[in-house]
Amino acid sequence: MTSRVGPRAAGPRAAGTNGSDFKPRERVPAPQYQMCAALKSEVRKLNLVHLLLWLLVAAQVAVSHFDLVSHDTVSLPYQWEYPYLLSLLPLLCSSLSLPNNNISYLVLSMISAGLFSVAPLIYGGMEMFPVAQQLYRHGKAYRFIFGFSAVTVMYLIMVVAVQVHAWQLYYMKKLLDSWFDTTQEKKKK
């Protein structure tokens, strides 16, 4: 049985050190690796916000279709919400690309984000515009979500979603450039 007292008590340590010189060894020296880690962190945060937005839209669709509450409380979904549910695909591709720096998954995520995230939001903005115009000109709303005008609530969700997807695409493009530069440097050596 080993003793917990003595120089070996803290675990394996390099000979000739007291264990206080770990700070310089933990630094990542190359700035491109630091930038890559920061970009991955931002993409992960945005993926989390995207997942929350997706859950809100999915909850509204599920509640209305399964008649869990009356349609006076939660209105029927707009047409753009159904294709937006497919925006889970770019989220999954993006999440799969981050651990192994997989360029293919990241490119697939960026393309599918345009198709399944941004395009439904653009269509939704056009679909709901006449209803929003009627609400603000005449003060009449016919669809409600928990007592609030459905078009107002959905436009608020869309404003946040557009920003999240724009930042996601921006950071994924920067990350892709960073990974591509690193790959090209490895091929030169």
C-alpha atoms as a PDB file:
ATOM      1  CA  MET A   1       0.000   0.000   0.000  1.00  0.00           C
ATOM      2  CA  THR A   2       1.358   3.440  -0.872  1.00  0.00           C
ATOM      3  CA  SER A   3       1.586   6.316   1.514  1.00  0.00           C
ATOM      4  CA  ARG A   4      -0.187   9.639   0.901  1.00  0.00           C
ATOM      5  CA  VAL A   5       2.743  11.520   2.390  1.00  0.00           C
ATOM      6  CA  GLY A   6       5.805  12.655   0.505  1.00  0.00           C
ATOM      7  CA  PRO A   7       6.660  13.979  -2.935  1.00  0.00           C
ATOM      8  CA  ARG A   8       4.528  11.377  -4.770  1.00  0.00           C
ATOM      9  CA  ALA A   9       1.320  12.331  -2.884  1.00  0.00           C
ATOM     10  CA  ALA A  10       0.167  14.900  -5.488  1.00  0.00           C
ATOM     11  CA  GLY A  11       0.514  12.479  -8.405  1.00  0.00           C
ATOM     12  CA  PRO A  12       3.160  11.929 -11.058  1.00  0.00           C
ATOM     13  CA  ARG A  13       5.389  14.928 -11.557  1.00  0.00           C
ATOM     14  CA  ALA A  14       8.445  15.604 -13.660  1.00  0.00           C
ATOM     15  CA  ALA A  15      11.727  15.212 -11.849  1.00  0.00           C
ATOM     16  CA  GLY A  16      13.339  18.445 -10.785  1.00  0.00           C
ATOM     17  CA  THR A  17      10.167  20.485 -10.405  1.00  0.00           C
ATOM     18  CA  ASN A  18       7.938  21.396  -7.503  1.00  0.00           C
ATOM     19  CA  GLY A  19       4.806  21.515  -9.665  1.00  0.00           C
ATOM     20  CA  SER A  20       4.483  25.303  -9.782  1.00  0.00           C
ATOM     21  CA  ASP A  21       5.723  25.674 -13.365  1.00  0.00           C
ATOM     22  CA  PHE A  22       2.531  24.444 -15.048  1.00  0.00           C
ATOM     23  CA  LYS A  23       1.313  27.858 -16.252  1.00  0.00           C
ATOM     24  CA  PRO A  24       3.785  28.239 -19.154  1.00  0.00           C
ATOM     25  CA  ARG A  25       3.182  24.645 -20.260  1.00  0.00           C
ATOM     26  CA  GLU A  26      -0.602  25.111 -20.499  1.00  0.00           C
ATOM     27  CA  ARG A  27      -0.471  27.915 -23.046  1.00  0.00           C
ATOM     28  CA  VAL A  28      -1.289  27.313 -26.656  1.00  0.00           C
ATOM     29  CA  PRO A  29       1.533  29.104 -28.455  1.00  0.00           C
ATOM     30  CA  ALA A  30       0.108  29.588 -31.930  1.00  0.00           C
ATOM     31  CA  PRO A  31      -2.501  32.349 -32.299  1.00  0.00           C
ATOM     32  CA  GLN A  32      -4.466  30.442 -34.970  1.00  0.00           C
ATOM     33  CA  TYR A  33      -5.177  27.666 -32.448  1.00  0.00           C
ATOM     34  CA  GLN A  34      -6.321  30.217 -29.864  1.00  0.00           C
ATOM     35  CA  MET A  35      -8.603  31.806 -32.471  1.00  0.00           C
ATOM     36  CA  CYS A  36      -9.923  28.378 -33.477  1.00  0.00           C
ATOM     37  CA  ALA A  37     -10.788  27.560 -29.860  1.00  0.00           C
ATOM     38  CA  ALA A  38     -12.543  30.918 -29.419  1.00  0.00           C
ATOM     39  CA  LEU A  39     -14.537  30.458 -32.637  1.00  0.00           C
ATOM     40  CA  LYS A  40     -15.579  26.942 -31.608  1.00  0.00           C
ATOM     41  CA  SER A  41     -16.784  28.332 -28.297  1.00  0.00           C
ATOM     42  CA  GLU A  42     -18.879  30.994 -30.048  1.00  0.00           C
ATOM     43  CA  VAL A  43     -20.387  28.447 -32.441  1.00  0.00           C
ATOM     44  CA  ARG A  44     -21.299  26.189 -29.494  1.00  0.00           C
ATOM     45  CA  LYS A  45     -23.026  29.074 -27.700  1.00  0.00           C
ATOM     46  CA  LEU A  46     -24.966  30.001 -30.835  1.00  0.00           C
ATOM     47  CA  ASN A  47     -25.896  26.343 -31.361  1.00  0.00           C
ATOM     48  CA  LEU A  48     -27.400  26.347 -27.873  1.00  0.00           C
ATOM     49  CA  VAL A  49     -29.470  29.467 -28.612  1.00  0.00           C
ATOM     50  CA  HIS A  50     -30.508  27.943 -31.956  1.00  0.00           C
ATOM     51  CA  LEU A  51     -31.648  24.807 -30.127  1.00  0.00           C
ATOM     52  CA  LEU A  52     -33.730  26.907 -27.721  1.00  0.00           C
ATOM     53  CA  LEU A  53     -35.382  28.750 -30.624  1.00  0.00           C
ATOM     54  CA  TRP A  54     -36.034  25.454 -32.373  1.00  0.00           C
ATOM     55  CA  LEU A  55     -37.619  24.063 -29.197  1.00  0.00           C
ATOM     56  CA  LEU A  56     -39.933  27.098 -28.985  1.00  0.00           C
ATOM     57  CA  VAL A  57     -41.116  26.646 -32.567  1.00  0.00           C
ATOM     58  CA  ALA A  58     -41.394  22.849 -32.161  1.00  0.00           C
ATOM     59  CA  ALA A  59     -43.405  23.296 -28.948  1.00  0.00           C
ATOM     60  CA  GLN A  60     -45.834  25.652 -30.648  1.00  0.00           C
ATOM     61  CA  VAL A  61     -46.278  23.264 -33.579  1.00  0.00           C
ATOM     62  CA  ALA A  62     -46.699  20.226 -31.315  1.00  0.00           C
ATOM     63  CA  VAL A  63     -49.124  21.950 -28.933  1.00  0.00           C
ATOM     64  CA  SER A  64     -51.339  23.144 -31.764  1.00  0.00           C
ATOM     65  CA  HIS A  65     -51.335  19.883 -33.734  1.00  0.00           C
ATOM     66  CA  PHE A  66     -51.949  17.586 -30.788  1.00  0.00           C
ATOM     67  CA  ASP A  67     -54.677  19.917 -29.462  1.00  0.00           C
ATOM     68  CA  LEU A  68     -53.030  20.093 -26.032  1.00  0.00           C
ATOM     69  CA  VAL A  69     -54.605  23.526 -25.476  1.00  0.00           C
ATOM     70  CA  SER A  70     -57.371  25.349 -27.295  1.00  0.00           C
ATOM     71  CA  HIS A  71     -56.583  27.229 -30.497  1.00  0.00           C
ATOM     72  CA  ASP A  72     -57.631  30.418 -28.707  1.00  0.00           C
ATOM     73  CA  THR A  73     -54.621  30.009 -26.396  1.00  0.00           C
ATOM     74  CA  VAL A  74     -52.065  28.843 -28.963  1.00  0.00           C
ATOM     75  CA  SER A  75     -52.900  29.450 -32.599  1.00  0.00           C
ATOM     76  CA  LEU A  76     -52.157  27.201 -35.532  1.00  0.00           C
ATOM     77  CA  PRO A  77     -48.589  27.516 -36.815  1.00  0.00           C
ATOM     78  CA  TYR A  78     -47.715  29.583 -39.861  1.00  0.00           C
ATOM     79  CA  GLN A  79     -46.501  27.690 -42.945  1.00  0.00           C
ATOM     80  CA  TRP A  80     -42.861  28.760 -42.516  1.00  0.00           C
ATOM     81  CA  GLU A  81     -42.610  26.997 -39.160  1.00  0.00           C
ATOM     82  CA  TYR A  82     -42.753  23.516 -40.709  1.00  0.00           C
ATOM     83  CA  PRO A  83     -39.629  23.822 -42.895  1.00  0.00           C
ATOM     84  CA  TYR A  84     -37.905  25.678 -40.029  1.00  0.00           C
ATOM     85  CA  LEU A  85     -38.188  22.480 -37.999  1.00  0.00           C
ATOM     86  CA  LEU A  86     -35.640  21.015 -40.437  1.00  0.00           C
ATOM     87  CA  SER A  87     -33.100  23.530 -39.090  1.00  0.00           C
ATOM     88  CA  LEU A  88     -32.151  20.840 -36.607  1.00  0.00           C
ATOM     89  CA  LEU A  89     -30.063  19.290 -39.420  1.00  0.00           C
ATOM     90  CA  PRO A  90     -27.529  22.163 -39.676  1.00  0.00           C
ATOM     91  CA  LEU A  91     -27.376  22.265 -35.894  1.00  0.00           C
ATOM     92  CA  LEU A  92     -26.441  18.579 -35.751  1.00  0.00           C
ATOM     93  CA  CYS A  93     -23.898  18.884 -38.581  1.00  0.00           C
ATOM     94  CA  SER A  94     -22.287  21.858 -36.905  1.00  0.00           C
ATOM     95  CA  SER A  95     -22.120  20.033 -33.567  1.00  0.00           C
ATOM     96  CA  LEU A  96     -20.562  16.980 -35.244  1.00  0.00           C
ATOM     97  CA  SER A  97     -17.943  19.078 -37.040  1.00  0.00           C
ATOM     98  CA  LEU A  98     -16.517  20.801 -33.965  1.00  0.00           C
ATOM     99  CA  PRO A  99     -14.813  17.987 -31.986  1.00  0.00           C
ATOM    100  CA  ASN A 100     -12.694  16.656 -34.877  1.00  0.00           C
ATOM    101  CA  ASN A 101     -12.382  19.821 -37.011  1.00  0.00           C
ATOM    102  CA  ASN A 102     -14.384  18.105 -39.746  1.00  0.00           C
ATOM    103  CA  ILE A 103     -14.505  20.510 -42.690  1.00  0.00           C
ATOM    104  CA  SER A 104     -17.097  18.446 -44.600  1.00  0.00           C
ATOM    105  CA  TYR A 105     -19.666  18.598 -41.805  1.00  0.00           C
ATOM    106  CA  LEU A 106     -19.061  22.317 -41.326  1.00  0.00           C
ATOM    107  CA  VAL A 107     -19.620  23.044 -45.027  1.00  0.00           C
ATOM    108  CA  LEU A 108     -22.748  20.873 -44.998  1.00  0.00           C
ATOM    109  CA  SER A 109     -23.944  22.772 -41.938  1.00  0.00           C
ATOM    110  CA  MET A 110     -23.425  26.135 -43.622  1.00  0.00           C
ATOM    111  CA  ILE A 111     -25.271  25.114 -46.795  1.00  0.00           C
ATOM    112  CA  SER A 112     -28.160  23.508 -44.929  1.00  0.00           C
ATOM    113  CA  ALA A 113     -28.389  26.535 -42.597  1.00  0.00           C
ATOM    114  CA  GLY A 114     -29.159  28.648 -45.627  1.00  0.00           C
ATOM    115  CA  LEU A 115     -31.775  26.194 -46.880  1.00  0.00           C
ATOM    116  CA  PHE A 116     -33.456  25.132 -43.646  1.00  0.00           C
ATOM    117  CA  SER A 117     -32.884  28.107 -41.337  1.00  0.00           C
ATOM    118  CA  VAL A 118     -32.567  31.357 -43.268  1.00  0.00           C
ATOM    119  CA  ALA A 119     -34.894  30.574 -46.208  1.00  0.00           C
ATOM    120  CA  PRO A 120     -37.894  29.670 -43.988  1.00  0.00           C
ATOM    121  CA  LEU A 121     -37.338  32.863 -41.990  1.00  0.00           C
ATOM    122  CA  ILE A 122     -37.372  34.973 -45.163  1.00  0.00           C
ATOM    123  CA  TYR A 123     -40.513  33.208 -46.353  1.00  0.00           C
ATOM    124  CA  GLY A 124     -42.081  33.651 -42.896  1.00  0.00           C
ATOM    125  CA  GLY A 125     -41.377  37.361 -42.929  1.00  0.00           C
ATOM    126  CA  MET A 126     -43.186  37.656 -46.245  1.00  0.00           C
ATOM    127  CA  GLU A 127     -46.009  35.334 -45.181  1.00  0.00           C
ATOM    128  CA  MET A 128     -46.764  37.238 -41.984  1.00  0.00           C
ATOM    129  CA  PHE A 129     -46.296  40.748 -43.397  1.00  0.00           C
ATOM    130  CA  PRO A 130     -49.945  41.290 -44.482  1.00  0.00           C
ATOM    131  CA  VAL A 131     -51.167  40.092 -41.075  1.00  0.00           C
ATOM    132  CA  ALA A 132     -48.716  42.392 -39.295  1.00  0.00           C
ATOM    133  CA  GLN A 133     -49.756  45.274 -41.538  1.00  0.00           C
ATOM    134  CA  GLN A 134     -53.406  44.685 -40.687  1.00  0.00           C
ATOM    135  CA  LEU A 135     -52.605  44.485 -36.979  1.00  0.00           C
ATOM    136  CA  TYR A 136     -50.719  47.762 -36.894  1.00  0.00           C
ATOM    137  CA  ARG A 137     -53.044  49.682 -39.222  1.00  0.00           C
ATOM    138  CA  HIS A 138     -56.374  48.531 -37.830  1.00  0.00           C
ATOM    139  CA  GLY A 139     -55.466  46.958 -34.478  1.00  0.00           C
ATOM    140  CA  LYS A 140     -57.112  43.638 -35.385  1.00  0.00           C
ATOM    141  CA  ALA A 141     -55.454  40.336 -34.572  1.00  0.00           C
ATOM    142  CA  TYR A 142     -57.038  36.974 -35.261  1.00  0.00           C
ATOM    143  CA  ARG A 143     -54.357  34.592 -34.007  1.00  0.00           C
ATOM    144  CA  PHE A 144     -53.057  34.595 -30.451  1.00  0.00           C
ATOM    145  CA  ILE A 145     -50.347  32.918 -28.405  1.00  0.00           C
ATOM    146  CA  PHE A 146     -51.180  33.158 -24.696  1.00  0.00           C
ATOM    147  CA  GLY A 147     -53.121  36.363 -25.223  1.00  0.00           C
ATOM    148  CA  PHE A 148     -50.487  38.086 -27.354  1.00  0.00           C
ATOM    149  CA  SER A 149     -50.812  38.609 -31.079  1.00  0.00           C
ATOM    150  CA  ALA A 150     -49.262  35.560 -32.772  1.00  0.00           C
ATOM    151  CA  VAL A 151     -47.713  37.656 -35.529  1.00  0.00           C
ATOM    152  CA  THR A 152     -45.961  39.881 -32.958  1.00  0.00           C
ATOM    153  CA  VAL A 153     -44.617  36.924 -31.001  1.00  0.00           C
ATOM    154  CA  MET A 154     -43.428  35.160 -34.138  1.00  0.00           C
ATOM    155  CA  TYR A 155     -41.771  38.298 -35.499  1.00  0.00           C
ATOM    156  CA  LEU A 156     -39.871  38.655 -32.213  1.00  0.00           C
ATOM    157  CA  ILE A 157     -38.716  35.051 -32.486  1.00  0.00           C
ATOM    158  CA  MET A 158     -37.744  35.672 -36.113  1.00  0.00           C
ATOM    159  CA  VAL A 159     -35.673  38.751 -35.243  1.00  0.00           C
ATOM    160  CA  VAL A 160     -33.680  36.756 -32.705  1.00  0.00           C
ATOM    161  CA  ALA A 161     -33.400  33.767 -35.078  1.00  0.00           C
ATOM    162  CA  VAL A 162     -32.100  35.891 -37.969  1.00  0.00           C
ATOM    163  CA  GLN A 163     -29.394  37.336 -35.733  1.00  0.00           C
ATOM    164  CA  VAL A 164     -28.438  33.923 -34.356  1.00  0.00           C
ATOM    165  CA  HIS A 165     -28.210  32.366 -37.822  1.00  0.00           C
ATOM    166  CA  ALA A 166     -26.275  35.319 -39.231  1.00  0.00           C
ATOM    167  CA  TRP A 167     -23.709  35.085 -36.422  1.00  0.00           C
ATOM    168  CA  GLN A 168     -23.587  31.314 -36.773  1.00  0.00           C
ATOM    169  CA  LEU A 169     -22.785  31.575 -40.466  1.00  0.00           C
ATOM    170  CA  TYR A 170     -20.205  34.292 -39.822  1.00  0.00           C
ATOM    171  CA  TYR A 171     -18.380  32.330 -37.113  1.00  0.00           C
ATOM    172  CA  MET A 172     -18.591  29.073 -39.070  1.00  0.00           C
ATOM    173  CA  LYS A 173     -17.064  30.804 -42.114  1.00  0.00           C
ATOM    174  CA  LYS A 174     -14.228  32.181 -39.967  1.00  0.00           C
ATOM    175  CA  LEU A 175     -13.746  28.720 -38.438  1.00  0.00           C
ATOM    176  CA  LEU A 176     -13.735  27.114 -41.867  1.00  0.00           C
ATOM    177  CA  ASP A 177     -11.080  29.579 -43.047  1.00  0.00           C
ATOM    178  CA  SER A 178      -9.023  28.854 -39.942  1.00  0.00           C
ATOM    179  CA  TRP A 179      -9.259  25.087 -40.454  1.00  0.00           C
ATOM    180  CA  PHE A 180      -8.510  25.404 -44.155  1.00  0.00           C
ATOM    181  CA  ASP A 181      -5.400  27.509 -43.472  1.00  0.00           C
ATOM    182  CA  THR A 182      -4.208  24.967 -40.891  1.00  0.00           C
ATOM    183  CA  THR A 183      -4.782  22.119 -43.357  1.00  0.00           C
ATOM    184  CA  GLN A 184      -2.857  23.941 -46.087  1.00  0.00           C
ATOM    185  CA  GLU A 185       0.070  24.576 -43.700  1.00  0.00           C
ATOM    186  CA  LYS A 186       0.210  20.863 -42.827  1.00  0.00           C
ATOM    187  CA  LYS A 187       0.237  19.907 -46.521  1.00  0.00           C
ATOM    188  CA  LYS A 188       3.177  22.270 -47.215  1.00  0.00           C
ATOM    189  CA  LYS A 189       5.309  20.587 -44.550  1.00  0.00           C
END
